Amino acid sequence: TGGEDLRVIKTSEILRDSGHTVVE
């Protein structure tokens, strides 16, 4: 696990917190 993986997780989290539906 590196910076890119953490960025993916964080991006998904930010989008969900902003009210978007995220499909993985």
PDBML (XML) file of the C-alpha atoms, coordinates in Angstrom:
<?xml version="1.0" encoding="UTF-8" ?>
<PDBx:datablock datablockName="MODEL"
   xmlns:PDBx="http://pdbml.pdb.org/schema/pdbx-v50.xsd"
   xmlns:xsi="http://www.w3.org/2001/XMLSchema-instance"
   xsi:schemaLocation="http://pdbml.pdb.org/schema/pdbx-v50.xsd pdbx-v50.xsd">
   <PDBx:atom_siteCategory>
      <PDBx:atom_site id="1">
         <PDBx:B_iso_or_equiv>0.00</PDBx:B_iso_or_equiv>
         <PDBx:Cartn_x>0.000</PDBx:Cartn_x>
         <PDBx:Cartn_y>0.000</PDBx:Cartn_y>
         <PDBx:Cartn_z>0.000</PDBx:Cartn_z>
         <PDBx:auth_asym_id>A</PDBx:auth_asym_id>
         <PDBx:auth_atom_id>CA</PDBx:auth_atom_id>
         <PDBx:auth_comp_id>THR</PDBx:auth_comp_id>
         <PDBx:auth_seq_id>1</PDBx:auth_seq_id>
         <PDBx:group_PDB>ATOM</PDBx:group_PDB>
         <PDBx:label_alt_id xsi:nil="true" />
         <PDBx:label_asym_id>A</PDBx:label_asym_id>
         <PDBx:label_atom_id>CA</PDBx:label_atom_id>
         <PDBx:label_comp_id>THR</PDBx:label_comp_id>
         <PDBx:label_entity_id>1</PDBx:label_entity_id>
         <PDBx:label_seq_id>1</PDBx:label_seq_id>
         <PDBx:occupancy>1.00</PDBx:occupancy>
         <PDBx:pdbx_PDB_model_num>1</PDBx:pdbx_PDB_model_num>
         <PDBx:type_symbol>C</PDBx:type_symbol>
      </PDBx:atom_site>
      <PDBx:atom_site id="2">
         <PDBx:B_iso_or_equiv>0.00</PDBx:B_iso_or_equiv>
         <PDBx:Cartn_x>1.358</PDBx:Cartn_x>
         <PDBx:Cartn_y>3.383</PDBx:Cartn_y>
         <PDBx:Cartn_z>-1.047</PDBx:Cartn_z>
         <PDBx:auth_asym_id>A</PDBx:auth_asym_id>
         <PDBx:auth_atom_id>CA</PDBx:auth_atom_id>
         <PDBx:auth_comp_id>GLY</PDBx:auth_comp_id>
         <PDBx:auth_seq_id>2</PDBx:auth_seq_id>
         <PDBx:group_PDB>ATOM</PDBx:group_PDB>
         <PDBx:label_alt_id xsi:nil="true" />
         <PDBx:label_asym_id>A</PDBx:label_asym_id>
         <PDBx:label_atom_id>CA</PDBx:label_atom_id>
         <PDBx:label_comp_id>GLY</PDBx:label_comp_id>
         <PDBx:label_entity_id>1</PDBx:label_entity_id>
         <PDBx:label_seq_id>2</PDBx:label_seq_id>
         <PDBx:occupancy>1.00</PDBx:occupancy>
         <PDBx:pdbx_PDB_model_num>1</PDBx:pdbx_PDB_model_num>
         <PDBx:type_symbol>C</PDBx:type_symbol>
      </PDBx:atom_site>
      <PDBx:atom_site id="3">
         <PDBx:B_iso_or_equiv>0.00</PDBx:B_iso_or_equiv>
         <PDBx:Cartn_x>0.329</PDBx:Cartn_x>
         <PDBx:Cartn_y>6.968</PDBx:Cartn_y>
         <PDBx:Cartn_z>-1.624</PDBx:Cartn_z>
         <PDBx:auth_asym_id>A</PDBx:auth_asym_id>
         <PDBx:auth_atom_id>CA</PDBx:auth_atom_id>
         <PDBx:auth_comp_id>GLY</PDBx:auth_comp_id>
         <PDBx:auth_seq_id>3</PDBx:auth_seq_id>
         <PDBx:group_PDB>ATOM</PDBx:group_PDB>
         <PDBx:label_alt_id xsi:nil="true" />
         <PDBx:label_asym_id>A</PDBx:label_asym_id>
         <PDBx:label_atom_id>CA</PDBx:label_atom_id>
         <PDBx:label_comp_id>GLY</PDBx:label_comp_id>
         <PDBx:label_entity_id>1</PDBx:label_entity_id>
         <PDBx:label_seq_id>3</PDBx:label_seq_id>
         <PDBx:occupancy>1.00</PDBx:occupancy>
         <PDBx:pdbx_PDB_model_num>1</PDBx:pdbx_PDB_model_num>
         <PDBx:type_symbol>C</PDBx:type_symbol>
      </PDBx:atom_site>
      <PDBx:atom_site id="4">
         <PDBx:B_iso_or_equiv>0.00</PDBx:B_iso_or_equiv>
         <PDBx:Cartn_x>-1.749</PDBx:Cartn_x>
         <PDBx:Cartn_y>6.219</PDBx:Cartn_y>
         <PDBx:Cartn_z>-4.722</PDBx:Cartn_z>
         <PDBx:auth_asym_id>A</PDBx:auth_asym_id>
         <PDBx:auth_atom_id>CA</PDBx:auth_atom_id>
         <PDBx:auth_comp_id>GLU</PDBx:auth_comp_id>
         <PDBx:auth_seq_id>4</PDBx:auth_seq_id>
         <PDBx:group_PDB>ATOM</PDBx:group_PDB>
         <PDBx:label_alt_id xsi:nil="true" />
         <PDBx:label_asym_id>A</PDBx:label_asym_id>
         <PDBx:label_atom_id>CA</PDBx:label_atom_id>
         <PDBx:label_comp_id>GLU</PDBx:label_comp_id>
         <PDBx:label_entity_id>1</PDBx:label_entity_id>
         <PDBx:label_seq_id>4</PDBx:label_seq_id>
         <PDBx:occupancy>1.00</PDBx:occupancy>
         <PDBx:pdbx_PDB_model_num>1</PDBx:pdbx_PDB_model_num>
         <PDBx:type_symbol>C</PDBx:type_symbol>
      </PDBx:atom_site>
      <PDBx:atom_site id="5">
         <PDBx:B_iso_or_equiv>0.00</PDBx:B_iso_or_equiv>
         <PDBx:Cartn_x>-3.797</PDBx:Cartn_x>
         <PDBx:Cartn_y>3.556</PDBx:Cartn_y>
         <PDBx:Cartn_z>-2.918</PDBx:Cartn_z>
         <PDBx:auth_asym_id>A</PDBx:auth_asym_id>
         <PDBx:auth_atom_id>CA</PDBx:auth_atom_id>
         <PDBx:auth_comp_id>ASP</PDBx:auth_comp_id>
         <PDBx:auth_seq_id>5</PDBx:auth_seq_id>
         <PDBx:group_PDB>ATOM</PDBx:group_PDB>
         <PDBx:label_alt_id xsi:nil="true" />
         <PDBx:label_asym_id>A</PDBx:label_asym_id>
         <PDBx:label_atom_id>CA</PDBx:label_atom_id>
         <PDBx:label_comp_id>ASP</PDBx:label_comp_id>
         <PDBx:label_entity_id>1</PDBx:label_entity_id>
         <PDBx:label_seq_id>5</PDBx:label_seq_id>
         <PDBx:occupancy>1.00</PDBx:occupancy>
         <PDBx:pdbx_PDB_model_num>1</PDBx:pdbx_PDB_model_num>
         <PDBx:type_symbol>C</PDBx:type_symbol>
      </PDBx:atom_site>
      <PDBx:atom_site id="6">
         <PDBx:B_iso_or_equiv>0.00</PDBx:B_iso_or_equiv>
         <PDBx:Cartn_x>-4.464</PDBx:Cartn_x>
         <PDBx:Cartn_y>5.926</PDBx:Cartn_y>
         <PDBx:Cartn_z>-0.023</PDBx:Cartn_z>
         <PDBx:auth_asym_id>A</PDBx:auth_asym_id>
         <PDBx:auth_atom_id>CA</PDBx:auth_atom_id>
         <PDBx:auth_comp_id>LEU</PDBx:auth_comp_id>
         <PDBx:auth_seq_id>6</PDBx:auth_seq_id>
         <PDBx:group_PDB>ATOM</PDBx:group_PDB>
         <PDBx:label_alt_id xsi:nil="true" />
         <PDBx:label_asym_id>A</PDBx:label_asym_id>
         <PDBx:label_atom_id>CA</PDBx:label_atom_id>
         <PDBx:label_comp_id>LEU</PDBx:label_comp_id>
         <PDBx:label_entity_id>1</PDBx:label_entity_id>
         <PDBx:label_seq_id>6</PDBx:label_seq_id>
         <PDBx:occupancy>1.00</PDBx:occupancy>
         <PDBx:pdbx_PDB_model_num>1</PDBx:pdbx_PDB_model_num>
         <PDBx:type_symbol>C</PDBx:type_symbol>
      </PDBx:atom_site>
      <PDBx:atom_site id="7">
         <PDBx:B_iso_or_equiv>0.00</PDBx:B_iso_or_equiv>
         <PDBx:Cartn_x>-5.485</PDBx:Cartn_x>
         <PDBx:Cartn_y>8.642</PDBx:Cartn_y>
         <PDBx:Cartn_z>-2.486</PDBx:Cartn_z>
         <PDBx:auth_asym_id>A</PDBx:auth_asym_id>
         <PDBx:auth_atom_id>CA</PDBx:auth_atom_id>
         <PDBx:auth_comp_id>ARG</PDBx:auth_comp_id>
         <PDBx:auth_seq_id>7</PDBx:auth_seq_id>
         <PDBx:group_PDB>ATOM</PDBx:group_PDB>
         <PDBx:label_alt_id xsi:nil="true" />
         <PDBx:label_asym_id>A</PDBx:label_asym_id>
         <PDBx:label_atom_id>CA</PDBx:label_atom_id>
         <PDBx:label_comp_id>ARG</PDBx:label_comp_id>
         <PDBx:label_entity_id>1</PDBx:label_entity_id>
         <PDBx:label_seq_id>7</PDBx:label_seq_id>
         <PDBx:occupancy>1.00</PDBx:occupancy>
         <PDBx:pdbx_PDB_model_num>1</PDBx:pdbx_PDB_model_num>
         <PDBx:type_symbol>C</PDBx:type_symbol>
      </PDBx:atom_site>
      <PDBx:atom_site id="8">
         <PDBx:B_iso_or_equiv>0.00</PDBx:B_iso_or_equiv>
         <PDBx:Cartn_x>-8.056</PDBx:Cartn_x>
         <PDBx:Cartn_y>6.290</PDBx:Cartn_y>
         <PDBx:Cartn_z>-4.035</PDBx:Cartn_z>
         <PDBx:auth_asym_id>A</PDBx:auth_asym_id>
         <PDBx:auth_atom_id>CA</PDBx:auth_atom_id>
         <PDBx:auth_comp_id>VAL</PDBx:auth_comp_id>
         <PDBx:auth_seq_id>8</PDBx:auth_seq_id>
         <PDBx:group_PDB>ATOM</PDBx:group_PDB>
         <PDBx:label_alt_id xsi:nil="true" />
         <PDBx:label_asym_id>A</PDBx:label_asym_id>
         <PDBx:label_atom_id>CA</PDBx:label_atom_id>
         <PDBx:label_comp_id>VAL</PDBx:label_comp_id>
         <PDBx:label_entity_id>1</PDBx:label_entity_id>
         <PDBx:label_seq_id>8</PDBx:label_seq_id>
         <PDBx:occupancy>1.00</PDBx:occupancy>
         <PDBx:pdbx_PDB_model_num>1</PDBx:pdbx_PDB_model_num>
         <PDBx:type_symbol>C</PDBx:type_symbol>
      </PDBx:atom_site>
      <PDBx:atom_site id="9">
         <PDBx:B_iso_or_equiv>0.00</PDBx:B_iso_or_equiv>
         <PDBx:Cartn_x>-9.565</PDBx:Cartn_x>
         <PDBx:Cartn_y>5.519</PDBx:Cartn_y>
         <PDBx:Cartn_z>-0.628</PDBx:Cartn_z>
         <PDBx:auth_asym_id>A</PDBx:auth_asym_id>
         <PDBx:auth_atom_id>CA</PDBx:auth_atom_id>
         <PDBx:auth_comp_id>ILE</PDBx:auth_comp_id>
         <PDBx:auth_seq_id>9</PDBx:auth_seq_id>
         <PDBx:group_PDB>ATOM</PDBx:group_PDB>
         <PDBx:label_alt_id xsi:nil="true" />
         <PDBx:label_asym_id>A</PDBx:label_asym_id>
         <PDBx:label_atom_id>CA</PDBx:label_atom_id>
         <PDBx:label_comp_id>ILE</PDBx:label_comp_id>
         <PDBx:label_entity_id>1</PDBx:label_entity_id>
         <PDBx:label_seq_id>9</PDBx:label_seq_id>
         <PDBx:occupancy>1.00</PDBx:occupancy>
         <PDBx:pdbx_PDB_model_num>1</PDBx:pdbx_PDB_model_num>
         <PDBx:type_symbol>C</PDBx:type_symbol>
      </PDBx:atom_site>
      <PDBx:atom_site id="10">
         <PDBx:B_iso_or_equiv>0.00</PDBx:B_iso_or_equiv>
         <PDBx:Cartn_x>-9.619</PDBx:Cartn_x>
         <PDBx:Cartn_y>9.202</PDBx:Cartn_y>
         <PDBx:Cartn_z>0.331</PDBx:Cartn_z>
         <PDBx:auth_asym_id>A</PDBx:auth_asym_id>
         <PDBx:auth_atom_id>CA</PDBx:auth_atom_id>
         <PDBx:auth_comp_id>LYS</PDBx:auth_comp_id>
         <PDBx:auth_seq_id>10</PDBx:auth_seq_id>
         <PDBx:group_PDB>ATOM</PDBx:group_PDB>
         <PDBx:label_alt_id xsi:nil="true" />
         <PDBx:label_asym_id>A</PDBx:label_asym_id>
         <PDBx:label_atom_id>CA</PDBx:label_atom_id>
         <PDBx:label_comp_id>LYS</PDBx:label_comp_id>
         <PDBx:label_entity_id>1</PDBx:label_entity_id>
         <PDBx:label_seq_id>10</PDBx:label_seq_id>
         <PDBx:occupancy>1.00</PDBx:occupancy>
         <PDBx:pdbx_PDB_model_num>1</PDBx:pdbx_PDB_model_num>
         <PDBx:type_symbol>C</PDBx:type_symbol>
      </PDBx:atom_site>
      <PDBx:atom_site id="11">
         <PDBx:B_iso_or_equiv>0.00</PDBx:B_iso_or_equiv>
         <PDBx:Cartn_x>-11.102</PDBx:Cartn_x>
         <PDBx:Cartn_y>10.306</PDBx:Cartn_y>
         <PDBx:Cartn_z>-3.002</PDBx:Cartn_z>
         <PDBx:auth_asym_id>A</PDBx:auth_asym_id>
         <PDBx:auth_atom_id>CA</PDBx:auth_atom_id>
         <PDBx:auth_comp_id>THR</PDBx:auth_comp_id>
         <PDBx:auth_seq_id>11</PDBx:auth_seq_id>
         <PDBx:group_PDB>ATOM</PDBx:group_PDB>
         <PDBx:label_alt_id xsi:nil="true" />
         <PDBx:label_asym_id>A</PDBx:label_asym_id>
         <PDBx:label_atom_id>CA</PDBx:label_atom_id>
         <PDBx:label_comp_id>THR</PDBx:label_comp_id>
         <PDBx:label_entity_id>1</PDBx:label_entity_id>
         <PDBx:label_seq_id>11</PDBx:label_seq_id>
         <PDBx:occupancy>1.00</PDBx:occupancy>
         <PDBx:pdbx_PDB_model_num>1</PDBx:pdbx_PDB_model_num>
         <PDBx:type_symbol>C</PDBx:type_symbol>
      </PDBx:atom_site>
      <PDBx:atom_site id="12">
         <PDBx:B_iso_or_equiv>0.00</PDBx:B_iso_or_equiv>
         <PDBx:Cartn_x>-13.915</PDBx:Cartn_x>
         <PDBx:Cartn_y>7.784</PDBx:Cartn_y>
         <PDBx:Cartn_z>-2.601</PDBx:Cartn_z>
         <PDBx:auth_asym_id>A</PDBx:auth_asym_id>
         <PDBx:auth_atom_id>CA</PDBx:auth_atom_id>
         <PDBx:auth_comp_id>SER</PDBx:auth_comp_id>
         <PDBx:auth_seq_id>12</PDBx:auth_seq_id>
         <PDBx:group_PDB>ATOM</PDBx:group_PDB>
         <PDBx:label_alt_id xsi:nil="true" />
         <PDBx:label_asym_id>A</PDBx:label_asym_id>
         <PDBx:label_atom_id>CA</PDBx:label_atom_id>
         <PDBx:label_comp_id>SER</PDBx:label_comp_id>
         <PDBx:label_entity_id>1</PDBx:label_entity_id>
         <PDBx:label_seq_id>12</PDBx:label_seq_id>
         <PDBx:occupancy>1.00</PDBx:occupancy>
         <PDBx:pdbx_PDB_model_num>1</PDBx:pdbx_PDB_model_num>
         <PDBx:type_symbol>C</PDBx:type_symbol>
      </PDBx:atom_site>
      <PDBx:atom_site id="13">
         <PDBx:B_iso_or_equiv>0.00</PDBx:B_iso_or_equiv>
         <PDBx:Cartn_x>-14.522</PDBx:Cartn_x>
         <PDBx:Cartn_y>9.022</PDBx:Cartn_y>
         <PDBx:Cartn_z>0.937</PDBx:Cartn_z>
         <PDBx:auth_asym_id>A</PDBx:auth_asym_id>
         <PDBx:auth_atom_id>CA</PDBx:auth_atom_id>
         <PDBx:auth_comp_id>GLU</PDBx:auth_comp_id>
         <PDBx:auth_seq_id>13</PDBx:auth_seq_id>
         <PDBx:group_PDB>ATOM</PDBx:group_PDB>
         <PDBx:label_alt_id xsi:nil="true" />
         <PDBx:label_asym_id>A</PDBx:label_asym_id>
         <PDBx:label_atom_id>CA</PDBx:label_atom_id>
         <PDBx:label_comp_id>GLU</PDBx:label_comp_id>
         <PDBx:label_entity_id>1</PDBx:label_entity_id>
         <PDBx:label_seq_id>13</PDBx:label_seq_id>
         <PDBx:occupancy>1.00</PDBx:occupancy>
         <PDBx:pdbx_PDB_model_num>1</PDBx:pdbx_PDB_model_num>
         <PDBx:type_symbol>C</PDBx:type_symbol>
      </PDBx:atom_site>
      <PDBx:atom_site id="14">
         <PDBx:B_iso_or_equiv>0.00</PDBx:B_iso_or_equiv>
         <PDBx:Cartn_x>-14.603</PDBx:Cartn_x>
         <PDBx:Cartn_y>12.694</PDBx:Cartn_y>
         <PDBx:Cartn_z>-0.103</PDBx:Cartn_z>
         <PDBx:auth_asym_id>A</PDBx:auth_asym_id>
         <PDBx:auth_atom_id>CA</PDBx:auth_atom_id>
         <PDBx:auth_comp_id>ILE</PDBx:auth_comp_id>
         <PDBx:auth_seq_id>14</PDBx:auth_seq_id>
         <PDBx:group_PDB>ATOM</PDBx:group_PDB>
         <PDBx:label_alt_id xsi:nil="true" />
         <PDBx:label_asym_id>A</PDBx:label_asym_id>
         <PDBx:label_atom_id>CA</PDBx:label_atom_id>
         <PDBx:label_comp_id>ILE</PDBx:label_comp_id>
         <PDBx:label_entity_id>1</PDBx:label_entity_id>
         <PDBx:label_seq_id>14</PDBx:label_seq_id>
         <PDBx:occupancy>1.00</PDBx:occupancy>
         <PDBx:pdbx_PDB_model_num>1</PDBx:pdbx_PDB_model_num>
         <PDBx:type_symbol>C</PDBx:type_symbol>
      </PDBx:atom_site>
      <PDBx:atom_site id="15">
         <PDBx:B_iso_or_equiv>0.00</PDBx:B_iso_or_equiv>
         <PDBx:Cartn_x>-17.033</PDBx:Cartn_x>
         <PDBx:Cartn_y>11.985</PDBx:Cartn_y>
         <PDBx:Cartn_z>-2.952</PDBx:Cartn_z>
         <PDBx:auth_asym_id>A</PDBx:auth_asym_id>
         <PDBx:auth_atom_id>CA</PDBx:auth_atom_id>
         <PDBx:auth_comp_id>LEU</PDBx:auth_comp_id>
         <PDBx:auth_seq_id>15</PDBx:auth_seq_id>
         <PDBx:group_PDB>ATOM</PDBx:group_PDB>
         <PDBx:label_alt_id xsi:nil="true" />
         <PDBx:label_asym_id>A</PDBx:label_asym_id>
         <PDBx:label_atom_id>CA</PDBx:label_atom_id>
         <PDBx:label_comp_id>LEU</PDBx:label_comp_id>
         <PDBx:label_entity_id>1</PDBx:label_entity_id>
         <PDBx:label_seq_id>15</PDBx:label_seq_id>
         <PDBx:occupancy>1.00</PDBx:occupancy>
         <PDBx:pdbx_PDB_model_num>1</PDBx:pdbx_PDB_model_num>
         <PDBx:type_symbol>C</PDBx:type_symbol>
      </PDBx:atom_site>
      <PDBx:atom_site id="16">
         <PDBx:B_iso_or_equiv>0.00</PDBx:B_iso_or_equiv>
         <PDBx:Cartn_x>-19.388</PDBx:Cartn_x>
         <PDBx:Cartn_y>10.057</PDBx:Cartn_y>
         <PDBx:Cartn_z>-0.654</PDBx:Cartn_z>
         <PDBx:auth_asym_id>A</PDBx:auth_asym_id>
         <PDBx:auth_atom_id>CA</PDBx:auth_atom_id>
         <PDBx:auth_comp_id>ARG</PDBx:auth_comp_id>
         <PDBx:auth_seq_id>16</PDBx:auth_seq_id>
         <PDBx:group_PDB>ATOM</PDBx:group_PDB>
         <PDBx:label_alt_id xsi:nil="true" />
         <PDBx:label_asym_id>A</PDBx:label_asym_id>
         <PDBx:label_atom_id>CA</PDBx:label_atom_id>
         <PDBx:label_comp_id>ARG</PDBx:label_comp_id>
         <PDBx:label_entity_id>1</PDBx:label_entity_id>
         <PDBx:label_seq_id>16</PDBx:label_seq_id>
         <PDBx:occupancy>1.00</PDBx:occupancy>
         <PDBx:pdbx_PDB_model_num>1</PDBx:pdbx_PDB_model_num>
         <PDBx:type_symbol>C</PDBx:type_symbol>
      </PDBx:atom_site>
      <PDBx:atom_site id="17">
         <PDBx:B_iso_or_equiv>0.00</PDBx:B_iso_or_equiv>
         <PDBx:Cartn_x>-19.216</PDBx:Cartn_x>
         <PDBx:Cartn_y>12.815</PDBx:Cartn_y>
         <PDBx:Cartn_z>1.971</PDBx:Cartn_z>
         <PDBx:auth_asym_id>A</PDBx:auth_asym_id>
         <PDBx:auth_atom_id>CA</PDBx:auth_atom_id>
         <PDBx:auth_comp_id>ASP</PDBx:auth_comp_id>
         <PDBx:auth_seq_id>17</PDBx:auth_seq_id>
         <PDBx:group_PDB>ATOM</PDBx:group_PDB>
         <PDBx:label_alt_id xsi:nil="true" />
         <PDBx:label_asym_id>A</PDBx:label_asym_id>
         <PDBx:label_atom_id>CA</PDBx:label_atom_id>
         <PDBx:label_comp_id>ASP</PDBx:label_comp_id>
         <PDBx:label_entity_id>1</PDBx:label_entity_id>
         <PDBx:label_seq_id>17</PDBx:label_seq_id>
         <PDBx:occupancy>1.00</PDBx:occupancy>
         <PDBx:pdbx_PDB_model_num>1</PDBx:pdbx_PDB_model_num>
         <PDBx:type_symbol>C</PDBx:type_symbol>
      </PDBx:atom_site>
      <PDBx:atom_site id="18">
         <PDBx:B_iso_or_equiv>0.00</PDBx:B_iso_or_equiv>
         <PDBx:Cartn_x>-20.181</PDBx:Cartn_x>
         <PDBx:Cartn_y>15.258</PDBx:Cartn_y>
         <PDBx:Cartn_z>-0.783</PDBx:Cartn_z>
         <PDBx:auth_asym_id>A</PDBx:auth_asym_id>
         <PDBx:auth_atom_id>CA</PDBx:auth_atom_id>
         <PDBx:auth_comp_id>SER</PDBx:auth_comp_id>
         <PDBx:auth_seq_id>18</PDBx:auth_seq_id>
         <PDBx:group_PDB>ATOM</PDBx:group_PDB>
         <PDBx:label_alt_id xsi:nil="true" />
         <PDBx:label_asym_id>A</PDBx:label_asym_id>
         <PDBx:label_atom_id>CA</PDBx:label_atom_id>
         <PDBx:label_comp_id>SER</PDBx:label_comp_id>
         <PDBx:label_entity_id>1</PDBx:label_entity_id>
         <PDBx:label_seq_id>18</PDBx:label_seq_id>
         <PDBx:occupancy>1.00</PDBx:occupancy>
         <PDBx:pdbx_PDB_model_num>1</PDBx:pdbx_PDB_model_num>
         <PDBx:type_symbol>C</PDBx:type_symbol>
      </PDBx:atom_site>
      <PDBx:atom_site id="19">
         <PDBx:B_iso_or_equiv>0.00</PDBx:B_iso_or_equiv>
         <PDBx:Cartn_x>-23.364</PDBx:Cartn_x>
         <PDBx:Cartn_y>13.312</PDBx:Cartn_y>
         <PDBx:Cartn_z>-1.478</PDBx:Cartn_z>
         <PDBx:auth_asym_id>A</PDBx:auth_asym_id>
         <PDBx:auth_atom_id>CA</PDBx:auth_atom_id>
         <PDBx:auth_comp_id>GLY</PDBx:auth_comp_id>
         <PDBx:auth_seq_id>19</PDBx:auth_seq_id>
         <PDBx:group_PDB>ATOM</PDBx:group_PDB>
         <PDBx:label_alt_id xsi:nil="true" />
         <PDBx:label_asym_id>A</PDBx:label_asym_id>
         <PDBx:label_atom_id>CA</PDBx:label_atom_id>
         <PDBx:label_comp_id>GLY</PDBx:label_comp_id>
         <PDBx:label_entity_id>1</PDBx:label_entity_id>
         <PDBx:label_seq_id>19</PDBx:label_seq_id>
         <PDBx:occupancy>1.00</PDBx:occupancy>
         <PDBx:pdbx_PDB_model_num>1</PDBx:pdbx_PDB_model_num>
         <PDBx:type_symbol>C</PDBx:type_symbol>
      </PDBx:atom_site>
      <PDBx:atom_site id="20">
         <PDBx:B_iso_or_equiv>0.00</PDBx:B_iso_or_equiv>
         <PDBx:Cartn_x>-22.271</PDBx:Cartn_x>
         <PDBx:Cartn_y>11.348</PDBx:Cartn_y>
         <PDBx:Cartn_z>-4.547</PDBx:Cartn_z>
         <PDBx:auth_asym_id>A</PDBx:auth_asym_id>
         <PDBx:auth_atom_id>CA</PDBx:auth_atom_id>
         <PDBx:auth_comp_id>HIS</PDBx:auth_comp_id>
         <PDBx:auth_seq_id>20</PDBx:auth_seq_id>
         <PDBx:group_PDB>ATOM</PDBx:group_PDB>
         <PDBx:label_alt_id xsi:nil="true" />
         <PDBx:label_asym_id>A</PDBx:label_asym_id>
         <PDBx:label_atom_id>CA</PDBx:label_atom_id>
         <PDBx:label_comp_id>HIS</PDBx:label_comp_id>
         <PDBx:label_entity_id>1</PDBx:label_entity_id>
         <PDBx:label_seq_id>20</PDBx:label_seq_id>
         <PDBx:occupancy>1.00</PDBx:occupancy>
         <PDBx:pdbx_PDB_model_num>1</PDBx:pdbx_PDB_model_num>
         <PDBx:type_symbol>C</PDBx:type_symbol>
      </PDBx:atom_site>
      <PDBx:atom_site id="21">
         <PDBx:B_iso_or_equiv>0.00</PDBx:B_iso_or_equiv>
         <PDBx:Cartn_x>-22.858</PDBx:Cartn_x>
         <PDBx:Cartn_y>7.629</PDBx:Cartn_y>
         <PDBx:Cartn_z>-5.082</PDBx:Cartn_z>
         <PDBx:auth_asym_id>A</PDBx:auth_asym_id>
         <PDBx:auth_atom_id>CA</PDBx:auth_atom_id>
         <PDBx:auth_comp_id>THR</PDBx:auth_comp_id>
         <PDBx:auth_seq_id>21</PDBx:auth_seq_id>
         <PDBx:group_PDB>ATOM</PDBx:group_PDB>
         <PDBx:label_alt_id xsi:nil="true" />
         <PDBx:label_asym_id>A</PDBx:label_asym_id>
         <PDBx:label_atom_id>CA</PDBx:label_atom_id>
         <PDBx:label_comp_id>THR</PDBx:label_comp_id>
         <PDBx:label_entity_id>1</PDBx:label_entity_id>
         <PDBx:label_seq_id>21</PDBx:label_seq_id>
         <PDBx:occupancy>1.00</PDBx:occupancy>
         <PDBx:pdbx_PDB_model_num>1</PDBx:pdbx_PDB_model_num>
         <PDBx:type_symbol>C</PDBx:type_symbol>
      </PDBx:atom_site>
      <PDBx:atom_site id="22">
         <PDBx:B_iso_or_equiv>0.00</PDBx:B_iso_or_equiv>
         <PDBx:Cartn_x>-19.585</PDBx:Cartn_x>
         <PDBx:Cartn_y>5.752</PDBx:Cartn_y>
         <PDBx:Cartn_z>-5.556</PDBx:Cartn_z>
         <PDBx:auth_asym_id>A</PDBx:auth_asym_id>
         <PDBx:auth_atom_id>CA</PDBx:auth_atom_id>
         <PDBx:auth_comp_id>VAL</PDBx:auth_comp_id>
         <PDBx:auth_seq_id>22</PDBx:auth_seq_id>
         <PDBx:group_PDB>ATOM</PDBx:group_PDB>
         <PDBx:label_alt_id xsi:nil="true" />
         <PDBx:label_asym_id>A</PDBx:label_asym_id>
         <PDBx:label_atom_id>CA</PDBx:label_atom_id>
         <PDBx:label_comp_id>VAL</PDBx:label_comp_id>
         <PDBx:label_entity_id>1</PDBx:label_entity_id>
         <PDBx:label_seq_id>22</PDBx:label_seq_id>
         <PDBx:occupancy>1.00</PDBx:occupancy>
         <PDBx:pdbx_PDB_model_num>1</PDBx:pdbx_PDB_model_num>
         <PDBx:type_symbol>C</PDBx:type_symbol>
      </PDBx:atom_site>
      <PDBx:atom_site id="23">
         <PDBx:B_iso_or_equiv>0.00</PDBx:B_iso_or_equiv>
         <PDBx:Cartn_x>-19.363</PDBx:Cartn_x>
         <PDBx:Cartn_y>2.401</PDBx:Cartn_y>
         <PDBx:Cartn_z>-7.336</PDBx:Cartn_z>
         <PDBx:auth_asym_id>A</PDBx:auth_asym_id>
         <PDBx:auth_atom_id>CA</PDBx:auth_atom_id>
         <PDBx:auth_comp_id>VAL</PDBx:auth_comp_id>
         <PDBx:auth_seq_id>23</PDBx:auth_seq_id>
         <PDBx:group_PDB>ATOM</PDBx:group_PDB>
         <PDBx:label_alt_id xsi:nil="true" />
         <PDBx:label_asym_id>A</PDBx:label_asym_id>
         <PDBx:label_atom_id>CA</PDBx:label_atom_id>
         <PDBx:label_comp_id>VAL</PDBx:label_comp_id>
         <PDBx:label_entity_id>1</PDBx:label_entity_id>
         <PDBx:label_seq_id>23</PDBx:label_seq_id>
         <PDBx:occupancy>1.00</PDBx:occupancy>
         <PDBx:pdbx_PDB_model_num>1</PDBx:pdbx_PDB_model_num>
         <PDBx:type_symbol>C</PDBx:type_symbol>
      </PDBx:atom_site>
      <PDBx:atom_site id="24">
         <PDBx:B_iso_or_equiv>0.00</PDBx:B_iso_or_equiv>
         <PDBx:Cartn_x>-16.053</PDBx:Cartn_x>
         <PDBx:Cartn_y>0.558</PDBx:Cartn_y>
         <PDBx:Cartn_z>-6.960</PDBx:Cartn_z>
         <PDBx:auth_asym_id>A</PDBx:auth_asym_id>
         <PDBx:auth_atom_id>CA</PDBx:auth_atom_id>
         <PDBx:auth_comp_id>GLU</PDBx:auth_comp_id>
         <PDBx:auth_seq_id>24</PDBx:auth_seq_id>
         <PDBx:group_PDB>ATOM</PDBx:group_PDB>
         <PDBx:label_alt_id xsi:nil="true" />
         <PDBx:label_asym_id>A</PDBx:label_asym_id>
         <PDBx:label_atom_id>CA</PDBx:label_atom_id>
         <PDBx:label_comp_id>GLU</PDBx:label_comp_id>
         <PDBx:label_entity_id>1</PDBx:label_entity_id>
         <PDBx:label_seq_id>24</PDBx:label_seq_id>
         <PDBx:occupancy>1.00</PDBx:occupancy>
         <PDBx:pdbx_PDB_model_num>1</PDBx:pdbx_PDB_model_num>
         <PDBx:type_symbol>C</PDBx:type_symbol>
      </PDBx:atom_site>
   </PDBx:atom_siteCategory>
</PDBx:datablock>
